[in-house]
Structure formats: structure tokens, C-alpha cells
């Protein structure tokens, strides 16, 4: 099942700043830290803490966010279900990248070991 064009468009226009607090709340509620969240974001995108903060302040859309990102070479190893979609089957590249990030945050919140989340073997 693939998301609709309307869904893809909505994802592109959504701001990272609007979603980031939800990511943070989700991981902290499960005993993980902001530092671990940032480690996951940096692994996927190459963005350090300063860049993440800039993108939040700029209210960058996910489209802009991922245009500026350097996706990790192992990002394609992020598979499975998220929000009712099988990540590896999502055809829209931007929507797939957003779901990669969602999946990593989800794994962090579920207590998965960091080396597994970061696809290090």
C-alpha cells in the first residue's frame, strides 16, 4: 500500500519543528534522552545539534530538511512497518525518508539498542 499524492504533499509541507517535540516527548517518555534522539537524527541525516536547531528555528519543511540532508549509506536497511506502511515499499522518496526517521525514533522509544538502530550489525 502506497501513500496517496495528497499524503505525500502533506508530508513535504509539514515542518520538522512541528514534529520534533513529538519525537522528543516519545523517546523521553520511554526513558531515552534528547542526546540519543540527536544521535539517531545525525546518523540518518548528517545534521549535528546546531544544524537541527537551525532547521527548527527556520521552520524548515521536511522537503527542505531532506534536501539539505546527506542520507546515511545504510538508510536503505531501515525496513518494516510504520504508520501502516511498509517502508521499503514506499515509492515517493521524500515520504520514505520521513518514514525512515519515524521508524528510527520508534525503535529508540521501544528500547532497541543503539547499535541496532544505527544499523551497525
N, C-alpha and C. Protein backbone atom coordinates (compact mmCIF):
# COMPACT_ATOMS: atom_id res chain seq x y z
N UNK A 1 0.84 -1.18 0.00
CA UNK A 1 0.00 0.00 0.00
C UNK A 1 0.89 1.24 0.00
N UNK A 2 0.66 2.13 -0.93
CA UNK A 2 1.44 3.35 -1.00
C UNK A 2 0.60 4.55 -0.62
N UNK A 3 1.23 5.53 0.05
CA UNK A 3 0.50 6.75 0.40
C UNK A 3 0.01 7.49 -0.84
N UNK A 4 -1.07 8.21 -0.71
CA UNK A 4 -1.61 8.98 -1.83
C UNK A 4 -0.74 10.20 -2.10
N UNK A 5 -0.94 10.81 -3.27
CA UNK A 5 -0.21 12.03 -3.62
C UNK A 5 -0.50 13.13 -2.61
N UNK A 6 -1.76 13.21 -2.16
CA UNK A 6 -2.14 14.22 -1.18
C UNK A 6 -1.36 14.01 0.12
N UNK A 7 -1.23 12.75 0.52
CA UNK A 7 -0.46 12.40 1.71
C UNK A 7 1.00 12.79 1.53
N UNK A 8 1.58 12.48 0.38
CA UNK A 8 2.98 12.82 0.09
C UNK A 8 3.20 14.33 0.13
N UNK A 9 2.26 15.06 -0.42
CA UNK A 9 2.34 16.52 -0.44
C UNK A 9 2.28 17.08 0.98
N UNK A 10 1.39 16.53 1.79
CA UNK A 10 1.25 16.96 3.18
C UNK A 10 2.55 16.72 3.95
N UNK A 11 3.17 15.58 3.69
CA UNK A 11 4.44 15.25 4.35
C UNK A 11 5.52 16.25 3.96
N UNK A 12 5.57 16.61 2.69
CA UNK A 12 6.59 17.54 2.19
C UNK A 12 6.45 18.91 2.83
N UNK A 13 5.23 19.34 3.06
CA UNK A 13 4.96 20.69 3.58
C UNK A 13 5.00 20.77 5.11
N UNK A 14 4.94 19.63 5.77
CA UNK A 14 4.98 19.60 7.23
C UNK A 14 6.35 20.09 7.70
N UNK A 15 6.39 20.85 8.78
CA UNK A 15 7.68 21.33 9.25
C UNK A 15 8.29 20.35 10.23
N UNK A 16 9.60 20.27 10.17
CA UNK A 16 10.34 19.44 11.12
C UNK A 16 10.09 19.96 12.54
N UNK A 17 10.02 21.29 12.68
CA UNK A 17 9.78 21.91 14.00
C UNK A 17 8.46 21.46 14.62
N UNK A 18 7.47 21.17 13.79
CA UNK A 18 6.16 20.76 14.33
C UNK A 18 6.18 19.31 14.81
N UNK A 19 7.08 18.52 14.30
CA UNK A 19 7.14 17.09 14.64
C UNK A 19 8.20 16.80 15.71
N UNK A 20 9.27 17.57 15.69
CA UNK A 20 10.39 17.34 16.62
C UNK A 20 9.95 17.21 18.09
N UNK A 21 9.10 18.12 18.61
CA UNK A 21 8.70 17.97 20.02
C UNK A 21 8.01 16.63 20.31
N UNK A 22 7.28 16.12 19.33
CA UNK A 22 6.62 14.82 19.49
C UNK A 22 7.64 13.69 19.54
N UNK A 23 8.67 13.79 18.69
CA UNK A 23 9.76 12.81 18.73
C UNK A 23 10.40 12.82 20.12
N UNK A 24 10.72 14.02 20.61
CA UNK A 24 11.40 14.17 21.89
C UNK A 24 10.54 13.62 23.03
N UNK A 25 9.28 13.99 23.06
CA UNK A 25 8.37 13.51 24.10
C UNK A 25 8.28 11.99 24.07
N UNK A 26 8.16 11.44 22.86
CA UNK A 26 8.01 9.99 22.70
C UNK A 26 9.22 9.25 23.28
N UNK A 27 10.43 9.71 22.97
CA UNK A 27 11.61 8.98 23.45
C UNK A 27 11.86 9.22 24.94
N UNK A 28 11.64 10.45 25.40
CA UNK A 28 11.87 10.75 26.82
C UNK A 28 10.88 10.01 27.72
N UNK A 29 9.64 9.87 27.24
CA UNK A 29 8.61 9.15 28.00
C UNK A 29 9.02 7.69 28.22
N UNK A 30 9.85 7.18 27.31
CA UNK A 30 10.30 5.78 27.39
C UNK A 30 11.70 5.66 27.99
N UNK A 31 12.19 6.76 28.60
CA UNK A 31 13.47 6.69 29.28
C UNK A 31 14.69 6.93 28.42
N UNK A 32 14.50 7.34 27.20
CA UNK A 32 15.64 7.66 26.33
C UNK A 32 15.89 9.17 26.42
N UNK A 33 17.00 9.63 25.85
CA UNK A 33 17.40 11.03 26.03
C UNK A 33 17.36 11.83 24.73
N UNK A 34 17.38 13.14 24.91
CA UNK A 34 17.48 14.06 23.77
C UNK A 34 18.77 13.78 23.00
N UNK A 35 19.84 13.49 23.73
CA UNK A 35 21.13 13.20 23.09
C UNK A 35 21.03 11.97 22.19
N UNK A 36 20.31 10.95 22.67
CA UNK A 36 20.13 9.74 21.85
C UNK A 36 19.28 10.06 20.61
N UNK A 37 18.25 10.88 20.79
CA UNK A 37 17.43 11.29 19.65
C UNK A 37 18.30 12.01 18.62
N UNK A 38 19.13 12.91 19.09
CA UNK A 38 20.00 13.66 18.17
C UNK A 38 21.03 12.75 17.50
N UNK A 39 21.48 11.74 18.22
CA UNK A 39 22.41 10.77 17.63
C UNK A 39 21.75 10.05 16.45
N UNK A 40 20.50 9.67 16.62
CA UNK A 40 19.74 8.99 15.58
C UNK A 40 19.52 9.93 14.38
N UNK A 41 19.14 11.18 14.67
CA UNK A 41 18.92 12.16 13.60
C UNK A 41 20.22 12.40 12.84
N UNK A 42 21.32 12.53 13.58
CA UNK A 42 22.61 12.79 12.92
C UNK A 42 23.04 11.59 12.07
N UNK A 43 22.81 10.38 12.57
CA UNK A 43 23.17 9.20 11.80
C UNK A 43 22.43 9.19 10.45
N UNK A 44 21.14 9.47 10.49
CA UNK A 44 20.34 9.42 9.27
C UNK A 44 20.64 10.58 8.32
N UNK A 45 20.79 11.79 8.87
CA UNK A 45 20.83 13.00 8.03
C UNK A 45 22.19 13.68 7.93
N UNK A 46 23.08 13.42 8.88
CA UNK A 46 24.35 14.13 8.94
C UNK A 46 24.26 15.45 9.70
N UNK A 47 23.08 15.79 10.23
CA UNK A 47 22.88 17.06 10.93
C UNK A 47 23.34 16.96 12.38
N UNK A 48 24.24 17.88 12.78
CA UNK A 48 24.62 17.94 14.18
C UNK A 48 23.59 18.75 14.97
N UNK A 49 23.80 18.89 16.28
CA UNK A 49 22.84 19.59 17.14
C UNK A 49 22.57 21.01 16.67
N UNK A 50 23.63 21.71 16.25
CA UNK A 50 23.48 23.10 15.79
C UNK A 50 22.59 23.17 14.56
N UNK A 51 22.80 22.28 13.60
CA UNK A 51 22.01 22.26 12.37
C UNK A 51 20.56 21.89 12.67
N UNK A 52 20.34 20.94 13.56
CA UNK A 52 18.98 20.56 13.94
C UNK A 52 18.26 21.78 14.51
N UNK A 53 18.93 22.51 15.39
CA UNK A 53 18.33 23.69 16.00
C UNK A 53 18.02 24.76 14.94
N UNK A 54 18.94 24.95 13.99
CA UNK A 54 18.72 25.91 12.89
C UNK A 54 17.47 25.55 12.10
N UNK A 55 17.34 24.27 11.76
CA UNK A 55 16.20 23.81 10.97
C UNK A 55 14.89 23.99 11.73
N UNK A 56 14.94 23.81 13.05
CA UNK A 56 13.75 24.03 13.87
C UNK A 56 13.39 25.52 13.85
N UNK A 57 14.39 26.37 14.06
CA UNK A 57 14.16 27.82 14.09
C UNK A 57 13.68 28.35 12.74
N UNK A 58 14.21 27.79 11.66
CA UNK A 58 13.80 28.21 10.30
C UNK A 58 12.42 27.68 9.93
N UNK A 59 11.89 26.76 10.77
CA UNK A 59 10.63 26.08 10.45
C UNK A 59 10.72 25.41 9.08
N UNK A 60 11.84 24.72 8.88
CA UNK A 60 12.09 24.02 7.61
C UNK A 60 11.06 22.92 7.41
N UNK A 61 10.54 22.84 6.19
CA UNK A 61 9.64 21.74 5.85
C UNK A 61 10.46 20.46 5.75
N UNK A 62 9.79 19.32 5.77
CA UNK A 62 10.52 18.07 5.58
C UNK A 62 11.18 18.03 4.20
N UNK A 63 10.56 18.69 3.24
CA UNK A 63 11.15 18.75 1.90
C UNK A 63 12.52 19.43 1.99
N UNK A 64 12.59 20.60 2.62
CA UNK A 64 13.84 21.33 2.78
C UNK A 64 14.80 20.54 3.67
N UNK A 65 14.28 19.99 4.74
CA UNK A 65 15.08 19.20 5.69
C UNK A 65 15.85 18.10 4.96
N UNK A 66 15.15 17.32 4.16
CA UNK A 66 15.81 16.20 3.48
C UNK A 66 16.59 16.62 2.25
N UNK A 67 16.27 17.79 1.67
CA UNK A 67 17.10 18.32 0.57
C UNK A 67 18.49 18.65 1.09
N UNK A 68 18.57 19.12 2.34
CA UNK A 68 19.84 19.51 2.93
C UNK A 68 20.58 18.34 3.58
N UNK A 69 19.88 17.25 3.78
CA UNK A 69 20.47 16.08 4.46
C UNK A 69 21.39 15.30 3.54
N UNK A 70 22.37 14.65 4.16
CA UNK A 70 23.19 13.66 3.48
C UNK A 70 22.79 12.33 4.10
N UNK A 71 21.92 11.62 3.41
CA UNK A 71 21.37 10.38 3.97
C UNK A 71 22.48 9.34 4.17
N UNK A 72 22.44 8.67 5.31
CA UNK A 72 23.43 7.64 5.62
C UNK A 72 23.37 6.53 4.57
N UNK A 73 24.52 6.01 4.22
CA UNK A 73 24.57 4.96 3.19
C UNK A 73 23.80 3.70 3.56
N UNK A 74 23.55 3.48 4.84
CA UNK A 74 22.79 2.30 5.26
C UNK A 74 21.32 2.59 5.53
N UNK A 75 20.85 3.77 5.15
CA UNK A 75 19.45 4.13 5.39
C UNK A 75 18.49 3.13 4.75
N UNK A 76 18.89 2.56 3.63
CA UNK A 76 18.03 1.59 2.95
C UNK A 76 17.84 0.30 3.75
N UNK A 77 18.62 0.13 4.82
CA UNK A 77 18.45 -1.04 5.69
C UNK A 77 17.31 -0.84 6.69
N UNK A 78 16.74 0.36 6.71
CA UNK A 78 15.60 0.64 7.59
C UNK A 78 14.36 0.09 6.89
N UNK A 79 13.82 -0.98 7.45
CA UNK A 79 12.67 -1.64 6.84
C UNK A 79 11.62 -1.91 7.90
N UNK A 80 10.48 -2.39 7.45
CA UNK A 80 9.42 -2.76 8.37
C UNK A 80 8.23 -1.82 8.23
N UNK A 81 7.31 -1.96 9.16
CA UNK A 81 6.06 -1.20 9.12
C UNK A 81 6.16 0.04 10.00
N UNK A 82 5.60 1.14 9.51
CA UNK A 82 5.45 2.35 10.30
C UNK A 82 4.20 3.06 9.81
N UNK A 83 3.34 3.40 10.72
CA UNK A 83 2.08 4.11 10.39
C UNK A 83 1.28 3.38 9.31
N UNK A 84 1.32 2.06 9.33
CA UNK A 84 0.54 1.27 8.39
C UNK A 84 1.16 1.08 7.02
N UNK A 85 2.39 1.55 6.85
CA UNK A 85 3.08 1.42 5.55
C UNK A 85 4.35 0.62 5.72
N UNK A 86 4.64 -0.22 4.73
CA UNK A 86 5.91 -0.94 4.70
C UNK A 86 6.93 0.01 4.08
N UNK A 87 7.90 0.42 4.88
CA UNK A 87 8.86 1.46 4.47
C UNK A 87 9.53 1.16 3.14
N UNK A 88 9.99 -0.05 2.98
CA UNK A 88 10.74 -0.38 1.76
C UNK A 88 9.87 -0.35 0.49
N UNK A 89 8.55 -0.32 0.66
CA UNK A 89 7.65 -0.29 -0.50
C UNK A 89 7.14 1.11 -0.83
N UNK A 90 7.49 2.11 -0.03
CA UNK A 90 7.03 3.47 -0.30
C UNK A 90 7.78 4.02 -1.52
N UNK A 91 7.03 4.43 -2.52
CA UNK A 91 7.62 4.86 -3.79
C UNK A 91 8.09 6.31 -3.79
N UNK A 92 7.42 7.18 -3.04
CA UNK A 92 7.80 8.58 -3.01
C UNK A 92 9.07 8.72 -2.15
N UNK A 93 10.19 9.19 -2.73
CA UNK A 93 11.45 9.24 -1.99
C UNK A 93 11.40 10.09 -0.72
N UNK A 94 10.71 11.23 -0.77
CA UNK A 94 10.65 12.09 0.42
C UNK A 94 9.83 11.43 1.52
N UNK A 95 8.68 10.89 1.18
CA UNK A 95 7.84 10.22 2.17
C UNK A 95 8.61 9.06 2.79
N UNK A 96 9.37 8.35 1.98
CA UNK A 96 10.16 7.23 2.50
C UNK A 96 11.20 7.73 3.50
N UNK A 97 11.85 8.85 3.22
CA UNK A 97 12.86 9.40 4.13
C UNK A 97 12.23 9.84 5.45
N UNK A 98 11.06 10.47 5.38
CA UNK A 98 10.36 10.87 6.60
C UNK A 98 10.03 9.63 7.42
N UNK A 99 9.58 8.58 6.76
CA UNK A 99 9.25 7.34 7.46
C UNK A 99 10.50 6.66 8.02
N UNK A 100 11.65 6.80 7.35
CA UNK A 100 12.91 6.30 7.92
C UNK A 100 13.12 6.93 9.29
N UNK A 101 12.97 8.27 9.34
CA UNK A 101 13.16 8.99 10.60
C UNK A 101 12.14 8.55 11.64
N UNK A 102 10.88 8.43 11.23
CA UNK A 102 9.84 7.95 12.15
C UNK A 102 10.20 6.59 12.74
N UNK A 103 10.67 5.70 11.89
CA UNK A 103 11.00 4.33 12.31
C UNK A 103 12.16 4.33 13.30
N UNK A 104 13.17 5.15 13.05
CA UNK A 104 14.31 5.21 13.96
C UNK A 104 13.89 5.74 15.33
N UNK A 105 13.05 6.76 15.34
CA UNK A 105 12.54 7.32 16.60
C UNK A 105 11.71 6.26 17.32
N UNK A 106 10.90 5.54 16.57
CA UNK A 106 10.08 4.47 17.13
C UNK A 106 10.95 3.39 17.78
N UNK A 107 11.99 2.98 17.08
CA UNK A 107 12.89 1.96 17.62
C UNK A 107 13.59 2.46 18.88
N UNK A 108 13.98 3.72 18.88
CA UNK A 108 14.62 4.32 20.06
C UNK A 108 13.65 4.28 21.25
N UNK A 109 12.42 4.69 21.01
CA UNK A 109 11.41 4.71 22.07
C UNK A 109 11.09 3.30 22.58
N UNK A 110 11.22 2.31 21.72
CA UNK A 110 10.91 0.93 22.12
C UNK A 110 12.08 0.26 22.86
N UNK A 111 13.17 1.02 23.04
CA UNK A 111 14.28 0.49 23.82
C UNK A 111 15.28 -0.34 23.04
N UNK A 112 15.23 -0.27 21.73
CA UNK A 112 16.17 -1.03 20.92
C UNK A 112 17.59 -0.51 21.17
N UNK A 113 18.57 -1.39 21.13
CA UNK A 113 19.96 -0.99 21.35
C UNK A 113 20.41 -0.04 20.23
N UNK A 114 21.21 0.96 20.60
CA UNK A 114 21.63 1.99 19.65
C UNK A 114 22.36 1.39 18.45
N UNK A 115 23.22 0.39 18.66
CA UNK A 115 23.95 -0.18 17.51
C UNK A 115 23.01 -0.87 16.52
N UNK A 116 21.88 -1.37 17.02
CA UNK A 116 20.88 -1.97 16.11
C UNK A 116 20.12 -0.87 15.37
N UNK A 117 19.76 0.20 16.08
CA UNK A 117 19.04 1.31 15.46
C UNK A 117 19.90 1.91 14.34
N UNK A 118 21.20 2.04 14.61
CA UNK A 118 22.11 2.66 13.65
C UNK A 118 22.64 1.68 12.62
N UNK A 119 22.00 0.53 12.55
CA UNK A 119 22.31 -0.48 11.51
C UNK A 119 23.80 -0.79 11.44
N UNK A 120 24.38 -1.04 12.62
CA UNK A 120 25.82 -1.34 12.66
C UNK A 120 26.09 -2.84 12.77
N UNK A 121 25.05 -3.63 12.60
CA UNK A 121 25.26 -5.06 12.61
C UNK A 121 24.66 -5.78 13.77
